[in-house]
N, C-alpha and C. Protein backbone atom coordinates (compact mmCIF):
# COMPACT_ATOMS: atom_id res chain seq x y z
N MET A 1 106.09 -115.43 -17.65
CA MET A 1 105.34 -115.44 -18.69
C MET A 1 104.10 -114.70 -18.73
N LEU A 2 104.20 -113.95 -19.85
CA LEU A 2 103.04 -113.08 -19.62
C LEU A 2 101.64 -113.42 -20.60
N ASP A 3 102.37 -114.27 -21.82
CA ASP A 3 101.63 -114.81 -22.68
C ASP A 3 101.78 -116.12 -23.08
N LEU A 4 100.63 -116.97 -23.43
CA LEU A 4 100.76 -118.37 -23.73
C LEU A 4 100.19 -118.63 -24.87
N LEU A 5 99.09 -118.09 -25.29
CA LEU A 5 98.43 -118.64 -26.46
C LEU A 5 99.30 -118.23 -27.81
N PRO A 6 99.69 -117.37 -27.81
CA PRO A 6 100.65 -116.76 -28.99
C PRO A 6 101.67 -118.16 -29.25
N ASP A 7 102.56 -118.25 -28.22
CA ASP A 7 103.52 -119.36 -28.66
C ASP A 7 102.61 -120.66 -28.64
N LEU A 8 101.62 -121.41 -27.88
CA LEU A 8 101.04 -122.16 -28.55
C LEU A 8 100.75 -122.22 -29.90
N PHE A 9 100.16 -121.34 -30.57
CA PHE A 9 99.47 -121.59 -31.91
C PHE A 9 100.80 -121.19 -32.95
N ASP A 10 101.96 -120.95 -32.35
CA ASP A 10 102.87 -120.71 -33.01
C ASP A 10 103.82 -122.02 -33.16
N ASP A 11 103.53 -123.02 -32.24
CA ASP A 11 104.20 -124.40 -32.31
C ASP A 11 103.01 -125.65 -32.48
N HIS A 12 101.83 -125.16 -32.30
CA HIS A 12 100.79 -126.49 -32.47
C HIS A 12 99.59 -126.03 -33.19
N ALA A 13 99.34 -125.18 -34.04
CA ALA A 13 98.15 -124.64 -34.60
C ALA A 13 97.24 -125.71 -35.19
N ASN A 14 97.81 -126.41 -35.68
CA ASN A 14 96.92 -127.97 -36.23
C ASN A 14 96.12 -128.34 -34.71
N GLU A 15 96.71 -128.43 -33.67
CA GLU A 15 95.99 -129.15 -32.53
C GLU A 15 95.21 -128.40 -31.86
N LEU A 16 94.82 -127.31 -32.19
CA LEU A 16 93.97 -126.19 -31.15
C LEU A 16 92.93 -125.86 -32.26
N ASN A 17 91.79 -125.16 -31.23
CA ASN A 17 90.83 -124.54 -31.77
C ASN A 17 90.84 -123.35 -30.68
N LEU A 18 90.15 -122.37 -31.18
CA LEU A 18 90.47 -121.00 -30.83
C LEU A 18 88.85 -120.39 -30.14
N ALA A 19 88.50 -120.24 -28.88
CA ALA A 19 87.17 -120.05 -28.86
C ALA A 19 87.02 -118.60 -29.34
N ALA A 20 85.84 -118.19 -29.88
CA ALA A 20 85.32 -116.88 -30.02
C ALA A 20 85.76 -115.79 -28.88
N PRO A 21 86.29 -114.44 -29.07
CA PRO A 21 86.74 -113.94 -27.98
C PRO A 21 85.54 -112.92 -27.41
N ILE A 22 84.70 -113.96 -26.62
CA ILE A 22 83.60 -113.27 -26.10
C ILE A 22 83.61 -113.03 -24.72
N PHE A 23 84.96 -113.43 -24.00
CA PHE A 23 84.92 -113.49 -22.79
C PHE A 23 85.65 -111.92 -22.16
N ASN A 24 85.31 -111.77 -20.52
CA ASN A 24 86.01 -110.84 -19.95
C ASN A 24 86.92 -111.77 -19.15
N ASP A 25 88.33 -110.97 -18.83
CA ASP A 25 88.97 -111.57 -17.67
C ASP A 25 88.64 -111.22 -16.48
N TYR A 26 88.34 -111.84 -15.15
CA TYR A 26 87.94 -111.25 -13.67
C TYR A 26 89.04 -111.87 -12.73
N GLY A 27 89.59 -113.30 -12.78
CA GLY A 27 90.26 -113.65 -12.34
C GLY A 27 91.57 -113.16 -11.86
N GLY A 28 92.69 -113.46 -10.47
CA GLY A 28 93.66 -112.91 -10.27
C GLY A 28 94.71 -113.73 -11.09
N LYS A 29 94.41 -114.75 -11.63
CA LYS A 29 95.65 -115.65 -12.38
C LYS A 29 95.30 -115.05 -13.87
N LYS A 30 96.23 -114.59 -14.71
CA LYS A 30 95.89 -114.33 -15.91
C LYS A 30 96.06 -115.64 -17.18
N ILE A 31 96.92 -116.69 -16.50
CA ILE A 31 97.51 -117.54 -17.51
C ILE A 31 96.88 -118.60 -16.89
N PHE A 32 96.42 -119.62 -17.57
CA PHE A 32 95.95 -120.92 -17.11
C PHE A 32 95.97 -122.20 -18.11
N PHE A 33 95.64 -123.48 -17.68
CA PHE A 33 95.79 -124.32 -18.63
C PHE A 33 95.44 -125.77 -17.68
N GLY A 34 94.65 -126.64 -18.08
CA GLY A 34 94.46 -127.84 -17.59
C GLY A 34 93.12 -128.68 -18.12
N GLU A 35 92.51 -129.86 -17.48
CA GLU A 35 91.73 -130.81 -18.11
C GLU A 35 90.50 -130.03 -17.94
N ILE A 36 89.66 -130.20 -19.03
CA ILE A 36 88.54 -129.94 -18.80
C ILE A 36 87.46 -130.59 -18.01
N VAL A 37 86.68 -129.80 -16.96
CA VAL A 37 85.56 -130.58 -16.54
C VAL A 37 84.48 -129.97 -16.72
N THR A 38 83.19 -129.94 -17.45
CA THR A 38 82.19 -129.27 -17.72
C THR A 38 81.02 -129.28 -16.74
N VAL A 39 80.21 -128.16 -16.91
CA VAL A 39 78.66 -128.27 -15.94
C VAL A 39 77.67 -127.81 -16.88
N SER A 40 76.84 -127.97 -17.23
CA SER A 40 75.82 -127.37 -18.01
C SER A 40 74.40 -126.93 -16.98
N CYS A 41 74.24 -125.94 -16.87
CA CYS A 41 73.22 -125.49 -16.29
C CYS A 41 72.58 -124.10 -16.61
N TYR A 42 71.35 -123.53 -15.93
CA TYR A 42 71.04 -122.25 -16.54
C TYR A 42 70.13 -121.84 -15.18
N ASN A 43 70.81 -120.68 -14.84
CA ASN A 43 70.27 -119.81 -13.67
C ASN A 43 70.15 -120.67 -12.19
N ASP A 44 71.13 -121.75 -12.16
CA ASP A 44 71.41 -122.51 -10.84
C ASP A 44 72.79 -123.12 -10.64
N ASN A 45 73.46 -122.43 -9.89
CA ASN A 45 74.77 -122.97 -9.85
C ASN A 45 75.15 -124.09 -8.85
N SER A 46 74.25 -124.75 -8.63
CA SER A 46 74.19 -125.98 -7.64
C SER A 46 75.35 -126.93 -8.01
N LYS A 47 75.55 -127.11 -9.51
CA LYS A 47 76.50 -128.07 -9.69
C LYS A 47 77.75 -127.56 -9.99
N VAL A 48 77.93 -126.18 -10.00
CA VAL A 48 79.15 -125.47 -9.70
C VAL A 48 79.52 -125.65 -8.41
N LYS A 49 78.99 -125.21 -7.36
CA LYS A 49 79.07 -125.67 -5.60
C LYS A 49 79.42 -126.74 -5.50
N GLU A 50 78.93 -127.54 -6.28
CA GLU A 50 79.41 -129.12 -5.86
C GLU A 50 80.81 -129.15 -6.29
N LEU A 51 81.09 -129.04 -7.37
CA LEU A 51 82.25 -129.24 -8.41
C LEU A 51 83.71 -128.43 -7.58
N VAL A 52 83.08 -127.10 -7.00
CA VAL A 52 84.47 -126.32 -6.33
C VAL A 52 84.91 -127.12 -4.87
N ALA A 53 83.69 -127.95 -4.78
CA ALA A 53 84.17 -128.61 -3.36
C ALA A 53 84.83 -129.53 -3.44
N THR A 54 85.36 -130.03 -4.88
CA THR A 54 86.21 -131.48 -5.14
C THR A 54 87.50 -130.85 -5.47
N ASP A 55 88.54 -131.90 -5.66
CA ASP A 55 89.86 -131.60 -6.01
C ASP A 55 90.00 -131.27 -7.16
N GLY A 56 90.30 -129.99 -7.89
CA GLY A 56 90.53 -129.55 -8.98
C GLY A 56 92.00 -129.46 -9.58
N THR A 57 92.88 -130.07 -8.90
CA THR A 57 94.23 -129.95 -9.42
C THR A 57 94.52 -130.60 -11.07
N ASN A 58 95.11 -129.53 -11.62
CA ASN A 58 95.38 -129.13 -12.95
C ASN A 58 93.87 -129.36 -13.87
N LYS A 59 92.75 -128.87 -13.28
CA LYS A 59 91.56 -128.85 -14.01
C LYS A 59 91.02 -127.69 -13.94
N VAL A 60 90.07 -127.60 -15.11
CA VAL A 60 89.49 -126.22 -15.48
C VAL A 60 88.26 -126.47 -15.39
N MET A 61 87.36 -125.93 -15.04
CA MET A 61 85.82 -125.97 -15.00
C MET A 61 85.34 -124.82 -16.13
N VAL A 62 84.53 -125.62 -16.85
CA VAL A 62 83.82 -124.99 -18.14
C VAL A 62 82.79 -125.02 -18.09
N VAL A 63 81.55 -124.06 -17.77
CA VAL A 63 80.46 -123.91 -17.20
C VAL A 63 79.65 -122.95 -18.35
N ASP A 64 78.73 -123.92 -18.81
CA ASP A 64 77.83 -123.32 -20.03
C ASP A 64 76.49 -122.86 -19.19
N GLY A 65 76.29 -121.87 -19.03
CA GLY A 65 75.30 -120.84 -18.26
C GLY A 65 74.38 -120.55 -19.43
N LYS A 66 74.44 -120.93 -20.46
CA LYS A 66 73.44 -120.74 -21.49
C LYS A 66 73.43 -119.33 -22.05
N ALA A 67 74.58 -118.52 -21.88
CA ALA A 67 74.80 -116.98 -22.05
C ALA A 67 73.94 -116.54 -21.18
N SER A 68 72.91 -116.71 -20.30
CA SER A 68 72.24 -116.25 -19.22
C SER A 68 73.03 -114.76 -18.59
N ILE A 69 72.75 -113.57 -18.48
CA ILE A 69 72.74 -112.52 -17.85
C ILE A 69 72.23 -112.19 -16.86
N THR A 70 71.21 -112.88 -16.42
CA THR A 70 70.30 -112.44 -15.41
C THR A 70 70.39 -112.96 -13.97
N ASN A 71 71.70 -113.80 -13.52
CA ASN A 71 72.10 -114.47 -12.36
C ASN A 71 73.41 -114.73 -12.35
N ALA A 72 74.02 -114.73 -11.61
CA ALA A 72 75.60 -114.66 -11.47
C ALA A 72 75.71 -116.41 -11.18
N LEU A 73 76.68 -117.05 -12.00
CA LEU A 73 76.85 -118.51 -11.45
C LEU A 73 77.89 -118.59 -10.79
N LEU A 74 78.99 -117.65 -10.53
CA LEU A 74 79.99 -117.42 -9.28
C LEU A 74 80.17 -116.22 -8.91
N GLY A 75 80.39 -116.59 -7.61
CA GLY A 75 80.62 -115.50 -6.75
C GLY A 75 81.92 -115.80 -5.83
N ASP A 76 82.16 -114.93 -4.82
CA ASP A 76 83.59 -115.00 -4.27
C ASP A 76 83.44 -115.91 -3.36
N MET A 77 82.61 -116.37 -2.88
CA MET A 77 82.97 -117.68 -1.69
C MET A 77 82.98 -118.97 -2.45
N LEU A 78 82.20 -119.24 -3.75
CA LEU A 78 82.73 -120.36 -4.31
C LEU A 78 83.89 -119.96 -5.30
N ALA A 79 84.36 -119.08 -5.60
CA ALA A 79 85.72 -118.96 -6.00
C ALA A 79 87.06 -118.98 -5.14
N GLU A 80 86.59 -118.90 -3.79
CA GLU A 80 87.55 -118.84 -2.69
C GLU A 80 87.75 -120.61 -2.65
N GLN A 81 86.51 -121.14 -2.71
CA GLN A 81 86.84 -122.61 -2.45
C GLN A 81 87.10 -123.38 -3.72
N ALA A 82 87.23 -122.85 -4.74
CA ALA A 82 87.95 -123.30 -5.99
C ALA A 82 89.44 -123.43 -5.52
N VAL A 83 89.81 -122.15 -5.23
CA VAL A 83 91.11 -122.11 -4.87
C VAL A 83 91.70 -122.87 -4.00
N GLU A 84 90.99 -123.15 -3.08
CA GLU A 84 91.55 -123.94 -1.82
C GLU A 84 91.35 -125.37 -2.18
N ASN A 85 90.64 -125.63 -3.39
CA ASN A 85 90.78 -127.23 -4.01
C ASN A 85 91.43 -127.09 -4.79
N GLY A 86 92.11 -126.13 -5.33
CA GLY A 86 93.38 -126.32 -6.57
C GLY A 86 92.69 -126.18 -7.90
N TRP A 87 91.53 -125.86 -7.92
CA TRP A 87 91.13 -125.44 -9.39
C TRP A 87 91.81 -124.40 -9.95
N GLN A 88 92.44 -124.50 -11.13
CA GLN A 88 93.17 -123.71 -11.88
C GLN A 88 92.49 -122.25 -12.57
N ALA A 89 91.18 -122.72 -12.79
CA ALA A 89 90.55 -121.57 -13.45
C ALA A 89 88.79 -122.04 -13.43
N ILE A 90 87.84 -120.99 -13.95
CA ILE A 90 86.62 -121.42 -14.24
C ILE A 90 86.19 -120.26 -15.24
N VAL A 91 85.68 -121.05 -16.31
CA VAL A 91 85.20 -120.27 -17.45
C VAL A 91 83.69 -120.65 -17.70
N ILE A 92 82.81 -119.63 -17.69
CA ILE A 92 81.48 -119.21 -17.74
C ILE A 92 80.96 -118.73 -19.07
N ASN A 93 79.92 -119.30 -19.35
CA ASN A 93 79.02 -118.88 -20.58
C ASN A 93 78.12 -118.23 -19.83
N GLY A 94 78.47 -117.35 -19.26
CA GLY A 94 77.25 -116.63 -17.88
C GLY A 94 77.85 -115.55 -17.50
N CYS A 95 77.36 -115.26 -16.25
CA CYS A 95 78.13 -114.20 -15.29
C CYS A 95 78.67 -114.63 -14.12
N ILE A 96 79.37 -113.81 -13.42
CA ILE A 96 80.00 -113.76 -12.19
C ILE A 96 79.45 -112.63 -11.16
N ARG A 97 79.62 -112.59 -10.06
CA ARG A 97 79.45 -111.32 -9.18
C ARG A 97 80.83 -111.35 -8.18
N ASP A 98 80.53 -110.49 -7.36
CA ASP A 98 81.93 -110.27 -6.57
C ASP A 98 83.42 -109.98 -7.57
N ALA A 99 82.93 -109.41 -8.54
CA ALA A 99 84.26 -109.01 -9.66
C ALA A 99 85.37 -108.64 -8.77
N GLY A 100 85.12 -107.65 -7.80
CA GLY A 100 86.40 -107.14 -6.86
C GLY A 100 87.34 -108.13 -6.45
N THR A 101 86.43 -109.03 -5.38
CA THR A 101 87.07 -110.26 -4.53
C THR A 101 87.65 -110.95 -5.55
N ILE A 102 86.90 -111.46 -6.78
CA ILE A 102 87.84 -112.48 -7.34
C ILE A 102 88.83 -112.04 -8.12
N ALA A 103 88.96 -110.80 -8.68
CA ALA A 103 90.46 -110.53 -9.10
C ALA A 103 91.46 -110.36 -8.19
N THR A 104 91.20 -110.58 -6.89
CA THR A 104 92.36 -110.88 -5.97
C THR A 104 93.12 -112.33 -5.95
N LEU A 105 92.00 -113.05 -6.39
CA LEU A 105 92.36 -114.67 -6.15
C LEU A 105 93.19 -115.03 -7.37
N ALA A 106 93.85 -116.08 -6.59
CA ALA A 106 94.85 -116.86 -7.56
C ALA A 106 94.00 -117.90 -8.56
N LEU A 107 93.33 -117.33 -9.31
CA LEU A 107 92.07 -118.19 -9.85
C LEU A 107 91.86 -117.62 -11.45
N GLY A 108 91.95 -118.42 -12.38
CA GLY A 108 91.65 -117.75 -13.57
C GLY A 108 90.07 -117.98 -13.82
N VAL A 109 89.29 -116.62 -14.29
CA VAL A 109 88.26 -116.60 -14.10
C VAL A 109 87.85 -115.64 -15.63
N LYS A 110 86.99 -116.34 -16.39
CA LYS A 110 86.52 -115.77 -17.62
C LYS A 110 84.80 -116.30 -17.84
N ALA A 111 84.37 -114.67 -18.11
CA ALA A 111 82.75 -114.87 -17.99
C ALA A 111 82.58 -113.58 -18.89
N LEU A 112 81.14 -114.01 -19.32
CA LEU A 112 80.63 -113.11 -20.12
C LEU A 112 80.39 -111.59 -19.66
N GLY A 113 80.10 -111.48 -18.43
CA GLY A 113 80.02 -110.36 -17.74
C GLY A 113 79.78 -110.70 -16.10
N CYS A 114 78.84 -109.52 -15.53
CA CYS A 114 78.85 -109.74 -13.86
C CYS A 114 77.20 -109.16 -14.02
N CYS A 115 76.70 -109.70 -12.88
CA CYS A 115 75.75 -109.44 -12.32
C CYS A 115 75.36 -109.68 -11.27
N PRO A 116 74.84 -108.68 -10.13
CA PRO A 116 75.14 -109.05 -8.45
C PRO A 116 73.99 -109.88 -8.21
N ILE A 117 73.17 -110.72 -8.70
CA ILE A 117 72.09 -111.63 -8.09
C ILE A 117 72.28 -112.60 -8.46
N LYS A 118 72.29 -113.30 -7.42
CA LYS A 118 72.78 -114.97 -7.01
C LYS A 118 71.70 -115.83 -7.52
N THR A 119 71.91 -117.12 -8.21
CA THR A 119 71.01 -118.07 -8.45
C THR A 119 70.48 -118.62 -7.44
N GLU A 120 69.08 -119.18 -7.63
CA GLU A 120 68.88 -120.27 -6.52
C GLU A 120 69.34 -121.79 -6.83
N LYS A 121 69.01 -122.12 -5.58
CA LYS A 121 69.96 -123.59 -5.71
C LYS A 121 69.01 -125.00 -5.57
N LEU A 122 68.70 -125.14 -6.75
CA LEU A 122 67.67 -126.32 -7.10
C LEU A 122 67.85 -127.72 -7.57
N GLY A 123 69.35 -127.79 -7.41
CA GLY A 123 70.18 -128.88 -7.72
C GLY A 123 69.83 -129.20 -9.44
N LYS A 124 69.67 -128.58 -10.09
CA LYS A 124 69.55 -128.58 -11.42
C LYS A 124 70.88 -128.59 -12.28
N GLY A 125 71.03 -129.20 -13.49
CA GLY A 125 72.34 -129.17 -14.31
C GLY A 125 73.36 -130.16 -14.45
N GLU A 126 74.01 -130.62 -15.17
CA GLU A 126 74.76 -131.39 -15.48
C GLU A 126 76.15 -131.60 -15.48
N ILE A 127 77.05 -132.53 -15.03
CA ILE A 127 78.42 -132.61 -14.65
C ILE A 127 78.73 -133.44 -15.86
N ASN A 128 80.01 -133.19 -16.37
CA ASN A 128 80.90 -133.92 -17.60
C ASN A 128 79.98 -134.09 -18.97
N THR A 129 79.07 -133.19 -19.21
CA THR A 129 78.48 -133.70 -20.57
C THR A 129 79.41 -132.87 -21.61
N HIS A 130 79.07 -133.04 -22.81
CA HIS A 130 79.61 -132.57 -24.08
C HIS A 130 78.67 -130.90 -24.36
N ILE A 131 79.61 -129.92 -24.06
CA ILE A 131 78.98 -128.86 -24.11
C ILE A 131 79.68 -127.72 -25.21
N SER A 132 78.93 -126.91 -25.96
CA SER A 132 79.56 -126.11 -26.90
C SER A 132 78.81 -124.62 -26.88
N PHE A 133 80.12 -123.87 -26.98
CA PHE A 133 79.59 -122.24 -27.08
C PHE A 133 80.86 -121.76 -27.19
N ALA A 134 80.61 -120.33 -27.90
CA ALA A 134 82.07 -119.77 -28.36
C ALA A 134 82.56 -120.25 -29.79
N GLY A 135 81.75 -121.00 -30.26
CA GLY A 135 82.32 -121.77 -31.57
C GLY A 135 83.16 -122.81 -31.39
N VAL A 136 83.23 -123.35 -30.27
CA VAL A 136 83.90 -124.81 -29.86
C VAL A 136 83.36 -125.75 -28.86
N ASP A 137 83.67 -126.80 -28.99
CA ASP A 137 83.34 -127.97 -28.51
C ASP A 137 84.04 -128.06 -27.20
N PHE A 138 83.48 -128.24 -25.82
CA PHE A 138 84.14 -128.25 -24.60
C PHE A 138 83.70 -129.91 -24.20
N ILE A 139 85.05 -130.51 -24.33
CA ILE A 139 84.54 -132.11 -24.03
C ILE A 139 85.53 -132.40 -22.93
N PRO A 140 84.85 -132.88 -21.89
CA PRO A 140 85.50 -133.53 -20.68
C PRO A 140 86.73 -134.44 -20.84
N GLY A 141 87.75 -134.11 -20.40
CA GLY A 141 88.91 -134.77 -20.68
C GLY A 141 89.77 -134.20 -21.60
N HIS A 142 89.26 -133.39 -22.47
CA HIS A 142 90.50 -132.58 -23.32
C HIS A 142 90.81 -131.48 -22.43
N TYR A 143 91.75 -130.77 -23.27
CA TYR A 143 92.35 -129.77 -22.22
C TYR A 143 91.80 -128.09 -22.63
N ILE A 144 92.14 -127.35 -21.96
CA ILE A 144 91.76 -125.58 -22.38
C ILE A 144 92.84 -124.83 -22.00
N TYR A 145 93.75 -123.73 -22.46
CA TYR A 145 94.43 -123.00 -22.19
C TYR A 145 93.77 -121.56 -22.26
N GLY A 146 94.39 -120.75 -21.14
CA GLY A 146 93.80 -119.46 -21.56
C GLY A 146 94.88 -118.19 -20.77
N ASP A 147 94.58 -117.37 -21.54
CA ASP A 147 95.38 -115.92 -21.29
C ASP A 147 94.83 -114.59 -21.78
N SER A 148 95.33 -113.43 -21.69
CA SER A 148 94.62 -112.07 -22.05
C SER A 148 94.34 -112.29 -23.45
N ASN A 149 95.01 -113.51 -24.55
CA ASN A 149 94.71 -113.44 -25.72
C ASN A 149 93.43 -114.32 -25.83
N GLY A 150 93.02 -115.00 -25.06
CA GLY A 150 91.60 -115.85 -25.32
C GLY A 150 91.74 -117.36 -24.73
N LEU A 151 90.91 -118.03 -25.27
CA LEU A 151 90.76 -119.50 -24.93
C LEU A 151 91.33 -120.37 -26.46
N ALA A 152 91.64 -121.25 -25.92
CA ALA A 152 92.07 -122.37 -26.92
C ALA A 152 91.98 -123.78 -26.25
N ILE A 153 91.23 -124.52 -27.13
CA ILE A 153 91.16 -126.22 -26.59
C ILE A 153 91.70 -126.81 -27.39
N SER A 154 92.48 -128.27 -26.78
CA SER A 154 93.06 -129.18 -27.36
C SER A 154 92.74 -130.44 -27.00
N LYS A 155 92.72 -131.56 -27.94
CA LYS A 155 92.39 -133.16 -27.31
C LYS A 155 93.57 -133.59 -26.22
N THR A 156 94.78 -133.24 -26.41
CA THR A 156 95.50 -133.77 -25.54
C THR A 156 96.41 -132.57 -24.91
N LEU A 157 97.08 -132.68 -24.00
CA LEU A 157 97.78 -131.86 -23.39
C LEU A 157 99.31 -131.74 -24.36
N LEU A 158 99.46 -130.36 -24.55
CA LEU A 158 100.51 -129.65 -25.36
C LEU A 158 101.41 -129.52 -24.73
N SER A 159 102.71 -129.41 -24.93
CA SER A 159 104.00 -128.91 -24.53
C SER A 159 104.21 -127.71 -24.81
N PHE A 160 104.86 -126.88 -23.94
CA PHE A 160 104.91 -125.26 -23.78
C PHE A 160 106.42 -124.99 -23.25
């Protein structure tokens, strides 16, 4: 399968919300879906680091980095740990770094762009809170679907 969203919208249009097309694809896994786990942070990826160390089976981390382009919220080491712990994907309203390495990993990664500067780790941020960006609400426990066509959200897991 090379495309997921067109078929999902053909069969479940009334159950899906489409995110604005503001993201670039960086991960080696182009099609992904899973339960939403959220992080809200600003130029501090402490909570991202905390979550990639947990079991991410059938889950997608959605990070609201407040559209900051001054620091990367994900790099190769955290992305590798996410793969090791079964995360399907990480979607970031912000930047990543180590894009070349991340492109080789079996992880979906969507972000606004790249920045080679890491964040400070100050322990700031929140996990599993309601966040909104790209014109949609990301609610923990809802589901997200991604491919090269974009991102979509549903309240329940849809069949395809």
